[in-house]
Amino acid sequence: QVQLVESGGDLVQAGGSLRLSCAASKSILSLFYMRWYRQAAGNQRELVARIESNGATYYVDSVKGRFTISKDIANNTMYLQMNNLKPDDTAVYYCMCGSAYGDYWGQGTQVTVSS
């Protein structure tokens, strides 16, 4: 089992930046993938970005050029650098990972972007 703990969510003005962290309880080296999702009030949870075991990345169109996903294997942590934030980015952000034993989710961290 892998436990994931997100941090870094905050209230920020439009145009600002935040960096979210997702700390894993075990080595992330063996994980198949790690992902960031977000869920705005009244909306379905959506995939924001993912990073594969080989380092390949994917972003939803709405965040391309503004968000960067990365991972630090030595510290078992995944990051989401978010720049030029917009009010539409307001949501609870969740990290998840896929392993040979299944998928695991964090508890979420709130990001609020004011206009």
N, C-alpha and C. Protein backbone atom coordinates (compact mmCIF):
# COMPACT_ATOMS: atom_id res chain seq x y z
N GLN A 1 0.84 -1.19 0.00
CA GLN A 1 0.00 0.00 0.00
C GLN A 1 0.88 1.24 0.00
N VAL A 2 0.44 2.26 -0.72
CA VAL A 2 1.16 3.53 -0.80
C VAL A 2 0.27 4.63 -0.25
N GLN A 3 0.77 5.41 0.67
CA GLN A 3 0.04 6.57 1.17
C GLN A 3 0.59 7.83 0.50
N LEU A 4 -0.31 8.68 0.08
CA LEU A 4 0.06 9.92 -0.61
C LEU A 4 -0.48 11.10 0.18
N VAL A 5 0.35 12.10 0.37
CA VAL A 5 -0.05 13.30 1.11
C VAL A 5 0.28 14.53 0.27
N GLU A 6 -0.78 15.27 -0.10
CA GLU A 6 -0.60 16.50 -0.88
C GLU A 6 -0.40 17.69 0.06
N SER A 7 0.27 18.69 -0.45
CA SER A 7 0.43 19.95 0.27
C SER A 7 0.70 21.05 -0.75
N GLY A 8 0.58 22.28 -0.28
CA GLY A 8 0.90 23.42 -1.14
C GLY A 8 -0.29 24.21 -1.63
N GLY A 9 -1.50 23.71 -1.42
CA GLY A 9 -2.66 24.46 -1.84
C GLY A 9 -2.82 25.74 -1.04
N ASP A 10 -3.41 26.76 -1.68
CA ASP A 10 -3.53 28.05 -1.01
C ASP A 10 -4.50 28.94 -1.79
N LEU A 11 -4.73 30.12 -1.27
CA LEU A 11 -5.49 31.15 -1.95
C LEU A 11 -4.48 32.07 -2.64
N VAL A 12 -4.65 32.28 -3.93
CA VAL A 12 -3.71 33.10 -4.69
C VAL A 12 -4.48 33.95 -5.68
N GLN A 13 -3.92 35.09 -6.04
CA GLN A 13 -4.56 35.94 -7.03
C GLN A 13 -4.28 35.43 -8.44
N ALA A 14 -5.17 35.75 -9.35
CA ALA A 14 -4.97 35.38 -10.75
C ALA A 14 -3.62 35.89 -11.23
N GLY A 15 -2.94 35.05 -11.98
CA GLY A 15 -1.60 35.38 -12.46
C GLY A 15 -0.49 34.90 -11.54
N GLY A 16 -0.86 34.46 -10.36
CA GLY A 16 0.12 33.99 -9.39
C GLY A 16 0.55 32.55 -9.64
N SER A 17 1.40 32.06 -8.76
CA SER A 17 1.96 30.71 -8.89
C SER A 17 1.85 29.95 -7.58
N LEU A 18 1.76 28.64 -7.71
CA LEU A 18 1.81 27.74 -6.57
C LEU A 18 2.55 26.48 -6.99
N ARG A 19 3.15 25.80 -6.01
CA ARG A 19 3.73 24.51 -6.27
C ARG A 19 3.11 23.50 -5.32
N LEU A 20 2.45 22.52 -5.89
CA LEU A 20 1.87 21.44 -5.10
C LEU A 20 2.87 20.30 -4.96
N SER A 21 2.85 19.66 -3.81
CA SER A 21 3.71 18.51 -3.57
C SER A 21 2.85 17.30 -3.21
N CYS A 22 3.34 16.14 -3.59
CA CYS A 22 2.67 14.88 -3.26
C CYS A 22 3.75 13.93 -2.74
N ALA A 23 3.75 13.73 -1.44
CA ALA A 23 4.76 12.90 -0.81
C ALA A 23 4.25 11.47 -0.66
N ALA A 24 5.03 10.53 -1.15
CA ALA A 24 4.65 9.11 -1.06
C ALA A 24 5.33 8.44 0.12
N SER A 25 4.65 7.45 0.68
CA SER A 25 5.17 6.76 1.86
C SER A 25 6.22 5.71 1.50
N LYS A 26 6.31 5.39 0.21
CA LYS A 26 7.30 4.41 -0.24
C LYS A 26 8.00 4.94 -1.48
N SER A 27 9.00 4.20 -1.89
CA SER A 27 9.74 4.59 -3.09
C SER A 27 8.80 4.68 -4.28
N ILE A 28 8.95 5.76 -5.06
CA ILE A 28 8.13 5.93 -6.26
C ILE A 28 8.80 5.33 -7.48
N LEU A 29 9.96 4.76 -7.27
CA LEU A 29 10.71 4.23 -8.40
C LEU A 29 9.96 3.11 -9.10
N SER A 30 9.20 2.32 -8.36
CA SER A 30 8.51 1.18 -8.94
C SER A 30 7.10 1.49 -9.41
N LEU A 31 6.66 2.72 -9.25
CA LEU A 31 5.31 3.08 -9.66
C LEU A 31 5.20 3.15 -11.18
N PHE A 32 4.06 2.75 -11.69
CA PHE A 32 3.84 2.78 -13.14
C PHE A 32 3.64 4.21 -13.62
N TYR A 33 2.90 4.98 -12.84
CA TYR A 33 2.62 6.36 -13.21
C TYR A 33 2.19 7.13 -11.97
N MET A 34 2.28 8.43 -12.06
CA MET A 34 1.76 9.33 -11.03
C MET A 34 0.99 10.43 -11.75
N ARG A 35 -0.09 10.86 -11.14
CA ARG A 35 -0.98 11.81 -11.80
C ARG A 35 -1.50 12.86 -10.84
N TRP A 36 -1.84 14.00 -11.39
CA TRP A 36 -2.58 15.04 -10.68
C TRP A 36 -3.96 15.16 -11.30
N TYR A 37 -4.98 15.13 -10.44
CA TYR A 37 -6.35 15.37 -10.83
C TYR A 37 -6.84 16.61 -10.09
N ARG A 38 -7.93 17.16 -10.55
CA ARG A 38 -8.58 18.24 -9.82
C ARG A 38 -10.09 18.10 -9.96
N GLN A 39 -10.78 18.63 -8.94
CA GLN A 39 -12.23 18.59 -8.95
C GLN A 39 -12.76 19.91 -8.42
N ALA A 40 -13.39 20.65 -9.31
CA ALA A 40 -14.03 21.89 -8.93
C ALA A 40 -15.43 21.59 -8.41
N ALA A 41 -15.95 22.48 -7.61
CA ALA A 41 -17.28 22.29 -7.02
C ALA A 41 -18.32 22.07 -8.11
N GLY A 42 -19.08 21.00 -8.01
CA GLY A 42 -20.13 20.71 -8.96
C GLY A 42 -19.66 20.04 -10.24
N ASN A 43 -18.36 19.82 -10.35
CA ASN A 43 -17.81 19.21 -11.56
C ASN A 43 -17.24 17.83 -11.28
N GLN A 44 -17.04 17.09 -12.36
CA GLN A 44 -16.40 15.79 -12.22
C GLN A 44 -14.89 15.97 -12.05
N ARG A 45 -14.26 14.99 -11.45
CA ARG A 45 -12.82 15.02 -11.30
C ARG A 45 -12.18 14.87 -12.68
N GLU A 46 -11.17 15.70 -12.96
CA GLU A 46 -10.52 15.63 -14.26
C GLU A 46 -9.02 15.46 -14.10
N LEU A 47 -8.44 14.75 -15.07
CA LEU A 47 -7.00 14.57 -15.10
C LEU A 47 -6.35 15.87 -15.55
N VAL A 48 -5.37 16.33 -14.80
CA VAL A 48 -4.65 17.56 -15.12
C VAL A 48 -3.31 17.24 -15.79
N ALA A 49 -2.56 16.33 -15.19
CA ALA A 49 -1.24 16.00 -15.72
C ALA A 49 -0.84 14.63 -15.21
N ARG A 50 0.02 13.97 -15.97
CA ARG A 50 0.53 12.69 -15.52
C ARG A 50 2.00 12.58 -15.90
N ILE A 51 2.72 11.75 -15.18
CA ILE A 51 4.12 11.48 -15.48
C ILE A 51 4.32 9.99 -15.36
N GLU A 52 4.90 9.43 -16.41
CA GLU A 52 5.09 7.98 -16.47
C GLU A 52 6.39 7.58 -15.78
N SER A 53 6.60 6.28 -15.68
CA SER A 53 7.81 5.79 -15.02
C SER A 53 9.06 6.20 -15.79
N ASN A 54 8.93 6.38 -17.11
CA ASN A 54 10.10 6.78 -17.91
C ASN A 54 10.26 8.30 -17.99
N GLY A 55 9.40 9.01 -17.28
CA GLY A 55 9.49 10.47 -17.25
C GLY A 55 8.63 11.19 -18.27
N ALA A 56 7.98 10.45 -19.17
CA ALA A 56 7.11 11.08 -20.15
C ALA A 56 5.96 11.79 -19.45
N THR A 57 5.56 12.92 -19.98
CA THR A 57 4.51 13.72 -19.34
C THR A 57 3.35 13.98 -20.29
N TYR A 58 2.22 14.26 -19.69
CA TYR A 58 1.00 14.61 -20.43
C TYR A 58 0.28 15.70 -19.65
N TYR A 59 -0.33 16.65 -20.40
CA TYR A 59 -1.10 17.72 -19.77
C TYR A 59 -2.44 17.89 -20.48
N VAL A 60 -3.46 18.20 -19.72
CA VAL A 60 -4.73 18.58 -20.33
C VAL A 60 -4.52 19.92 -21.03
N ASP A 61 -5.22 20.15 -22.11
CA ASP A 61 -4.99 21.34 -22.93
C ASP A 61 -5.09 22.64 -22.13
N SER A 62 -5.99 22.69 -21.18
CA SER A 62 -6.23 23.94 -20.46
C SER A 62 -5.06 24.38 -19.58
N VAL A 63 -4.10 23.49 -19.31
CA VAL A 63 -2.97 23.87 -18.46
C VAL A 63 -1.64 23.84 -19.19
N LYS A 64 -1.65 23.43 -20.44
CA LYS A 64 -0.40 23.35 -21.20
C LYS A 64 0.28 24.71 -21.25
N GLY A 65 1.58 24.71 -21.01
CA GLY A 65 2.34 25.95 -21.01
C GLY A 65 2.31 26.70 -19.70
N ARG A 66 1.44 26.27 -18.78
CA ARG A 66 1.35 26.95 -17.47
C ARG A 66 1.74 26.03 -16.32
N PHE A 67 1.42 24.74 -16.43
CA PHE A 67 1.70 23.78 -15.36
C PHE A 67 2.85 22.86 -15.78
N THR A 68 3.64 22.44 -14.80
CA THR A 68 4.72 21.49 -15.05
C THR A 68 4.69 20.41 -13.97
N ILE A 69 4.61 19.17 -14.41
CA ILE A 69 4.65 18.04 -13.49
C ILE A 69 6.07 17.49 -13.44
N SER A 70 6.50 17.10 -12.25
CA SER A 70 7.84 16.55 -12.11
C SER A 70 7.86 15.61 -10.91
N LYS A 71 8.93 14.87 -10.78
CA LYS A 71 9.06 13.98 -9.64
C LYS A 71 10.50 13.95 -9.16
N ASP A 72 10.66 13.76 -7.88
CA ASP A 72 11.96 13.66 -7.24
C ASP A 72 12.04 12.26 -6.63
N ILE A 73 12.72 11.37 -7.32
CA ILE A 73 12.76 9.98 -6.88
C ILE A 73 13.46 9.85 -5.54
N ALA A 74 14.50 10.62 -5.33
CA ALA A 74 15.26 10.51 -4.08
C ALA A 74 14.40 10.85 -2.86
N ASN A 75 13.44 11.76 -3.06
CA ASN A 75 12.58 12.20 -1.96
C ASN A 75 11.16 11.64 -2.05
N ASN A 76 10.94 10.73 -3.01
CA ASN A 76 9.62 10.09 -3.17
C ASN A 76 8.50 11.12 -3.25
N THR A 77 8.72 12.15 -4.03
CA THR A 77 7.75 13.24 -4.10
C THR A 77 7.49 13.63 -5.55
N MET A 78 6.23 13.92 -5.82
CA MET A 78 5.83 14.45 -7.12
C MET A 78 5.40 15.90 -6.92
N TYR A 79 5.61 16.71 -7.93
CA TYR A 79 5.28 18.13 -7.84
C TYR A 79 4.39 18.55 -9.01
N LEU A 80 3.66 19.63 -8.77
CA LEU A 80 2.94 20.30 -9.85
C LEU A 80 3.19 21.79 -9.69
N GLN A 81 4.04 22.32 -10.56
CA GLN A 81 4.30 23.75 -10.58
C GLN A 81 3.23 24.42 -11.42
N MET A 82 2.51 25.35 -10.83
CA MET A 82 1.39 26.00 -11.50
C MET A 82 1.68 27.49 -11.60
N ASN A 83 1.81 27.98 -12.83
CA ASN A 83 2.09 29.39 -13.08
C ASN A 83 0.92 30.03 -13.80
N ASN A 84 0.86 31.35 -13.75
CA ASN A 84 -0.20 32.10 -14.42
C ASN A 84 -1.57 31.51 -14.11
N LEU A 85 -1.83 31.34 -12.84
CA LEU A 85 -3.08 30.72 -12.42
C LEU A 85 -4.28 31.57 -12.77
N LYS A 86 -5.38 30.88 -13.08
CA LYS A 86 -6.62 31.52 -13.47
C LYS A 86 -7.73 31.10 -12.51
N PRO A 87 -8.79 31.90 -12.41
CA PRO A 87 -9.90 31.51 -11.53
C PRO A 87 -10.46 30.12 -11.87
N ASP A 88 -10.42 29.74 -13.15
CA ASP A 88 -10.91 28.42 -13.54
C ASP A 88 -10.05 27.28 -13.01
N ASP A 89 -8.88 27.59 -12.49
CA ASP A 89 -8.03 26.55 -11.88
C ASP A 89 -8.44 26.24 -10.45
N THR A 90 -9.39 26.99 -9.92
CA THR A 90 -9.86 26.74 -8.56
C THR A 90 -10.47 25.35 -8.44
N ALA A 91 -9.96 24.56 -7.51
CA ALA A 91 -10.42 23.18 -7.35
C ALA A 91 -9.67 22.53 -6.19
N VAL A 92 -10.12 21.35 -5.82
CA VAL A 92 -9.32 20.49 -4.95
C VAL A 92 -8.44 19.64 -5.86
N TYR A 93 -7.15 19.66 -5.58
CA TYR A 93 -6.19 18.92 -6.40
C TYR A 93 -5.79 17.64 -5.66
N TYR A 94 -5.85 16.53 -6.39
CA TYR A 94 -5.53 15.22 -5.83
C TYR A 94 -4.36 14.60 -6.59
N CYS A 95 -3.50 13.93 -5.87
CA CYS A 95 -2.49 13.13 -6.55
C CYS A 95 -2.90 11.66 -6.43
N MET A 96 -2.49 10.89 -7.40
CA MET A 96 -2.73 9.47 -7.39
C MET A 96 -1.56 8.77 -8.05
N CYS A 97 -1.42 7.49 -7.75
CA CYS A 97 -0.36 6.72 -8.37
C CYS A 97 -0.87 5.33 -8.71
N GLY A 98 -0.23 4.72 -9.68
CA GLY A 98 -0.57 3.38 -10.09
C GLY A 98 0.60 2.45 -9.81
N SER A 99 0.32 1.33 -9.19
CA SER A 99 1.37 0.37 -8.87
C SER A 99 0.89 -1.03 -9.23
N ALA A 100 1.75 -1.99 -9.01
CA ALA A 100 1.39 -3.38 -9.29
C ALA A 100 0.27 -3.87 -8.37
N TYR A 101 0.02 -3.13 -7.28
CA TYR A 101 -0.99 -3.54 -6.30
C TYR A 101 -2.27 -2.72 -6.40
N GLY A 102 -2.31 -1.78 -7.33
CA GLY A 102 -3.50 -0.99 -7.51
C GLY A 102 -3.22 0.49 -7.54
N ASP A 103 -4.30 1.29 -7.58
CA ASP A 103 -4.20 2.74 -7.60
C ASP A 103 -4.42 3.30 -6.19
N TYR A 104 -3.72 4.38 -5.88
CA TYR A 104 -3.83 5.01 -4.57
C TYR A 104 -4.03 6.51 -4.75
N TRP A 105 -4.80 7.11 -3.83
CA TRP A 105 -5.13 8.53 -3.90
C TRP A 105 -4.74 9.25 -2.61
N GLY A 106 -4.40 10.52 -2.78
CA GLY A 106 -4.21 11.38 -1.63
C GLY A 106 -5.52 12.00 -1.20
N GLN A 107 -5.48 12.81 -0.15
CA GLN A 107 -6.70 13.37 0.42
C GLN A 107 -7.10 14.69 -0.25
N GLY A 108 -6.22 15.27 -1.02
CA GLY A 108 -6.53 16.50 -1.75
C GLY A 108 -6.03 17.74 -1.05
N THR A 109 -5.78 18.78 -1.84
CA THR A 109 -5.38 20.07 -1.31
C THR A 109 -6.11 21.15 -2.11
N GLN A 110 -6.64 22.15 -1.40
CA GLN A 110 -7.49 23.16 -2.03
C GLN A 110 -6.64 24.27 -2.65
N VAL A 111 -6.94 24.55 -3.91
CA VAL A 111 -6.35 25.69 -4.61
C VAL A 111 -7.49 26.65 -4.98
N THR A 112 -7.37 27.88 -4.54
CA THR A 112 -8.38 28.89 -4.84
C THR A 112 -7.69 30.08 -5.51
N VAL A 113 -8.17 30.44 -6.69
CA VAL A 113 -7.59 31.54 -7.45
C VAL A 113 -8.63 32.66 -7.53
N SER A 114 -8.30 33.80 -6.98
CA SER A 114 -9.22 34.94 -6.98
C SER A 114 -8.95 35.83 -8.19
N SER A 115 -10.02 36.43 -8.69
CA SER A 115 -9.88 37.29 -9.88
C SER A 115 -9.58 38.73 -9.49
